[in-house]
Amino acid sequence: MKLILFPAVAAALAAMSGVALAETAVSAVADLNVRAGPGPQYPVIGVLAAGQSATLEGCIANSKWCTIAETNGRGWIYSDYVTADFGGNAVVLTRRPADAGIAIVEQPDNSDYPDNYTGAIISAEPVEPVEPIARPPAEVGTYISTHRLDPVYLDGEVVTGATLPDSVELREIPDYNYRYVYVNNQPALVDPGTRRIVYVVR
C-alpha cells in the first residue's frame, strides 16, 4: 500500500480571541495515520509525519477524532497525538482548554465500518512517543507479511510509544527481540517487556 505524506500546511493564527480551532495548525507528535473516517476501522489514506503540520477543521463532540483539511477532502486523526498552540503553549489537542473555540463536526455514517473494538490502546496522558527502532531487517518484514494475523481492533491509534493492553496476544518472530501484532489492520513491532509499540510497519 502506497502512503502519501501530507504536506505541511502553514496556518497563521489570528490575532483576535475566540477564533475557531478550524483555523489553527496542529502538529503531529509521532508519525500518525490519517484515516478515511473517525475510527481505527477506517482505511489509512496517508500519514502525518512527526513534526508536520495540518489545518484542523474540527472535532466530533465528546470524541478524540478530529478532521484535517486534505487536498482530496477530509482526513481524520486521533487527537492524543497532535498539539496546537493555546496561549503560547503547545498543548496536546485532547487536553485543550474548554474555551478553545473548537469547531464541532458531524460524525459521518459508519454503517460500512461498524465499531468492533475489543479494547483500547493505552497511552500516557498525553502519549510520550519513543524514538522508533531502526528499520527492521528485510527478513522480519517478509516474516510479518507472510505470517499475517487477524487484526485486533482497539480504540485509539497505532503510533510508536503507545502501549497495548494485556489482552492482545503478541506473536514471536524467529531470532528477533521484538514481537508483532496487527492492530487496527496495521502491523506493528512491540517490546514484549513493556508492550510498547516500537515500530509501525508501513
Protein backbone atom coordinates (compact mmCIF):
# COMPACT_ATOMS: atom_id res chain seq x y z
CA MET A 1 0.00 0.00 0.00
CA LYS A 2 1.43 3.33 -1.03
CA LEU A 3 1.02 6.06 1.55
CA ILE A 4 1.29 9.74 0.83
CA LEU A 5 2.82 12.07 3.38
CA PHE A 6 0.63 15.09 3.81
CA PRO A 7 2.46 18.32 3.06
CA ALA A 8 2.98 20.76 5.88
CA VAL A 9 0.16 23.25 5.91
CA ALA A 10 1.05 26.75 7.03
CA ALA A 11 -1.79 28.16 9.11
CA ALA A 12 -1.47 31.66 10.57
CA LEU A 13 -3.06 32.15 13.98
CA ALA A 14 -5.44 35.09 14.00
CA ALA A 15 -4.69 37.88 16.45
CA MET A 16 -8.25 38.11 17.77
CA SER A 17 -9.60 35.93 20.56
CA GLY A 18 -12.33 33.32 20.09
CA VAL A 19 -11.08 32.13 16.71
CA ALA A 20 -12.31 28.63 15.91
CA LEU A 21 -9.63 26.00 16.02
CA ALA A 22 -10.51 25.11 12.43
CA GLU A 23 -8.14 27.96 11.51
CA THR A 24 -5.33 26.64 13.69
CA ALA A 25 -2.38 24.50 12.76
CA VAL A 26 -1.93 21.21 14.58
CA SER A 27 1.36 19.35 14.62
CA ALA A 28 1.88 15.59 14.92
CA VAL A 29 3.99 14.36 17.84
CA ALA A 30 4.57 10.98 16.16
CA ASP A 31 4.07 9.55 12.68
CA LEU A 32 0.28 9.50 12.69
CA ASN A 33 -2.16 7.67 10.45
CA VAL A 34 -4.65 9.82 8.60
CA ARG A 35 -7.80 7.78 8.08
CA ALA A 36 -10.80 7.97 5.78
CA GLY A 37 -13.12 8.24 8.77
CA PRO A 38 -13.19 8.76 12.54
CA GLY A 39 -12.14 5.37 13.83
CA PRO A 40 -9.44 2.71 13.62
CA GLN A 41 -11.67 0.56 11.44
CA TYR A 42 -11.42 3.05 8.58
CA PRO A 43 -8.65 2.66 5.98
CA VAL A 44 -5.43 4.66 6.23
CA ILE A 45 -5.25 7.25 3.46
CA GLY A 46 -1.98 8.90 4.45
CA VAL A 47 0.47 9.70 7.21
CA LEU A 48 1.07 12.96 9.02
CA ALA A 49 4.77 12.67 9.86
CA ALA A 50 6.12 13.66 13.27
CA GLY A 51 6.57 17.44 13.30
CA GLN A 52 4.38 18.03 10.26
CA SER A 53 1.50 20.47 10.48
CA ALA A 54 -2.02 20.37 9.11
CA THR A 55 -5.04 22.64 9.31
CA LEU A 56 -7.66 21.39 11.73
CA GLU A 57 -11.28 21.63 10.59
CA GLY A 58 -12.87 20.47 13.84
CA CYS A 59 -13.59 17.54 16.15
CA ILE A 60 -16.60 15.35 16.83
CA ALA A 61 -18.27 16.28 20.11
CA ASN A 62 -17.18 14.07 23.03
CA SER A 63 -14.72 12.23 20.80
CA LYS A 64 -10.97 12.16 20.25
CA TRP A 65 -11.40 12.03 16.47
CA CYS A 66 -10.81 15.24 14.55
CA THR A 67 -10.70 16.13 10.89
CA ILE A 68 -7.99 17.95 8.97
CA ALA A 69 -8.05 19.66 5.61
CA GLU A 70 -6.68 17.44 2.86
CA THR A 71 -6.47 18.01 -0.87
CA ASN A 72 -8.93 15.22 -1.66
CA GLY A 73 -11.37 16.02 1.14
CA ARG A 74 -11.31 15.25 4.84
CA GLY A 75 -8.76 13.19 6.65
CA TRP A 76 -9.29 12.03 10.23
CA ILE A 77 -6.70 11.98 13.01
CA TYR A 78 -6.67 10.95 16.68
CA SER A 79 -6.26 13.97 18.95
CA ASP A 80 -3.96 12.29 21.51
CA TYR A 81 -1.10 12.63 19.02
CA VAL A 82 -1.28 16.23 17.80
CA THR A 83 -0.55 19.54 19.50
CA ALA A 84 -1.86 23.03 18.90
CA ASP A 85 -0.91 26.44 20.25
CA PHE A 86 -3.05 27.58 23.15
CA GLY A 87 -1.97 30.76 24.91
CA GLY A 88 1.57 30.45 23.58
CA ASN A 89 1.97 26.82 24.72
CA ALA A 90 1.93 23.64 22.65
CA VAL A 91 -0.86 21.56 24.18
CA VAL A 92 -1.97 18.09 23.16
CA LEU A 93 -5.29 18.60 21.40
CA THR A 94 -7.11 16.13 23.66
CA ARG A 95 -6.18 18.33 26.64
CA ARG A 96 -7.17 21.61 25.04
CA PRO A 97 -8.80 24.30 27.20
CA ALA A 98 -12.59 24.17 27.49
CA ASP A 99 -12.84 27.60 25.84
CA ALA A 100 -10.65 26.70 22.87
CA GLY A 101 -13.41 27.59 20.41
CA ILE A 102 -13.04 24.31 18.58
CA ALA A 103 -15.38 23.68 15.67
CA ILE A 104 -17.75 20.73 16.12
CA VAL A 105 -18.11 18.47 13.09
CA GLU A 106 -20.70 15.81 12.44
CA GLN A 107 -19.77 12.15 12.68
CA PRO A 108 -20.25 10.52 9.28
CA ASP A 109 -22.41 7.46 8.82
CA ASN A 110 -20.23 4.48 9.72
CA SER A 111 -22.61 1.68 8.82
CA ASP A 112 -19.96 0.25 6.47
CA TYR A 113 -17.36 0.41 9.25
CA PRO A 114 -19.04 -0.65 12.49
CA ASP A 115 -17.36 -0.12 15.86
CA ASN A 116 -15.98 -3.54 16.74
CA TYR A 117 -13.26 -2.65 19.20
CA THR A 118 -12.09 -5.31 21.62
CA GLY A 119 -10.30 -2.89 23.91
CA ALA A 120 -8.33 0.33 23.84
CA ILE A 121 -4.75 1.30 23.17
CA ILE A 122 -3.22 2.51 26.41
CA SER A 123 -1.29 5.73 26.22
CA ALA A 124 0.17 8.20 28.64
CA GLU A 125 -1.77 11.40 29.15
CA PRO A 126 -0.59 12.57 26.70
CA VAL A 127 1.42 9.89 24.97
CA GLU A 128 5.17 10.24 25.10
CA PRO A 129 6.37 8.95 21.77
CA VAL A 130 9.52 6.86 21.70
CA GLU A 131 12.15 7.04 19.04
CA PRO A 132 11.23 4.20 16.69
CA ILE A 133 13.79 1.48 16.27
CA ALA A 134 15.78 1.33 13.06
CA ARG A 135 14.02 -0.22 10.11
CA PRO A 136 13.85 -3.94 10.85
CA PRO A 137 15.80 -6.39 8.67
CA ALA A 138 14.13 -7.35 5.41
CA GLU A 139 13.55 -10.90 6.64
CA VAL A 140 11.49 -9.56 9.55
CA GLY A 141 9.23 -7.68 7.16
CA THR A 142 8.91 -10.77 5.00
CA TYR A 143 8.04 -12.91 8.01
CA ILE A 144 5.35 -10.48 9.16
CA SER A 145 3.76 -10.21 5.72
CA THR A 146 3.81 -13.97 5.07
CA HIS A 147 2.53 -14.79 8.56
CA ARG A 148 -0.30 -12.28 8.56
CA LEU A 149 -2.53 -12.31 11.63
CA ASP A 150 -6.17 -11.41 12.00
CA PRO A 151 -6.19 -7.79 13.13
CA VAL A 152 -7.18 -6.72 16.63
CA TYR A 153 -9.26 -3.55 16.63
CA LEU A 154 -8.59 -1.20 19.53
CA ASP A 155 -9.97 2.23 20.23
CA GLY A 156 -7.11 4.65 19.60
CA GLU A 157 -4.36 4.89 17.01
CA VAL A 158 -1.23 2.93 16.23
CA VAL A 159 1.85 5.05 16.96
CA THR A 160 5.28 4.38 18.41
CA GLY A 161 5.18 4.75 22.16
CA ALA A 162 1.59 3.61 22.62
CA THR A 163 1.10 0.60 24.88
CA LEU A 164 -1.06 -2.40 24.08
CA PRO A 165 -3.35 -3.94 26.70
CA ASP A 166 -2.55 -7.36 28.17
CA SER A 167 -5.48 -8.87 26.28
CA VAL A 168 -3.63 -8.50 22.96
CA GLU A 169 -1.58 -11.55 22.05
CA LEU A 170 1.89 -10.78 20.74
CA ARG A 171 3.43 -13.21 18.25
CA GLU A 172 7.09 -14.15 18.21
CA ILE A 173 9.43 -13.60 15.27
CA PRO A 174 12.24 -16.16 14.95
CA ASP A 175 15.63 -14.87 16.13
CA TYR A 176 14.32 -11.37 16.82
CA ASN A 177 13.90 -9.40 20.04
CA TYR A 178 10.53 -7.86 19.26
CA ARG A 179 7.14 -9.40 18.70
CA TYR A 180 4.44 -8.37 16.28
CA VAL A 181 0.71 -7.91 16.03
CA TYR A 182 -1.73 -6.43 13.55
CA VAL A 183 -3.51 -3.62 15.37
CA ASN A 184 -6.30 -1.77 13.56
CA ASN A 185 -5.16 -3.62 10.43
CA GLN A 186 -1.63 -2.20 10.74
CA PRO A 187 1.37 -4.41 11.57
CA ALA A 188 3.45 -3.18 14.48
CA LEU A 189 6.54 -4.38 16.34
CA VAL A 190 6.16 -4.45 20.12
CA ASP A 191 8.62 -4.68 23.01
CA PRO A 192 7.32 -7.75 24.89
CA GLY A 193 8.58 -6.43 28.23
CA THR A 194 6.82 -3.07 28.15
CA ARG A 195 4.17 -3.87 25.49
CA ARG A 196 5.00 -0.52 23.87
CA ILE A 197 4.92 -0.20 20.11
CA VAL A 198 8.46 0.42 18.89
CA TYR A 199 7.89 0.37 15.13
CA VAL A 200 4.89 0.69 12.85
CA VAL A 201 5.28 -1.25 9.62
CA ARG A 202 4.02 0.85 6.71
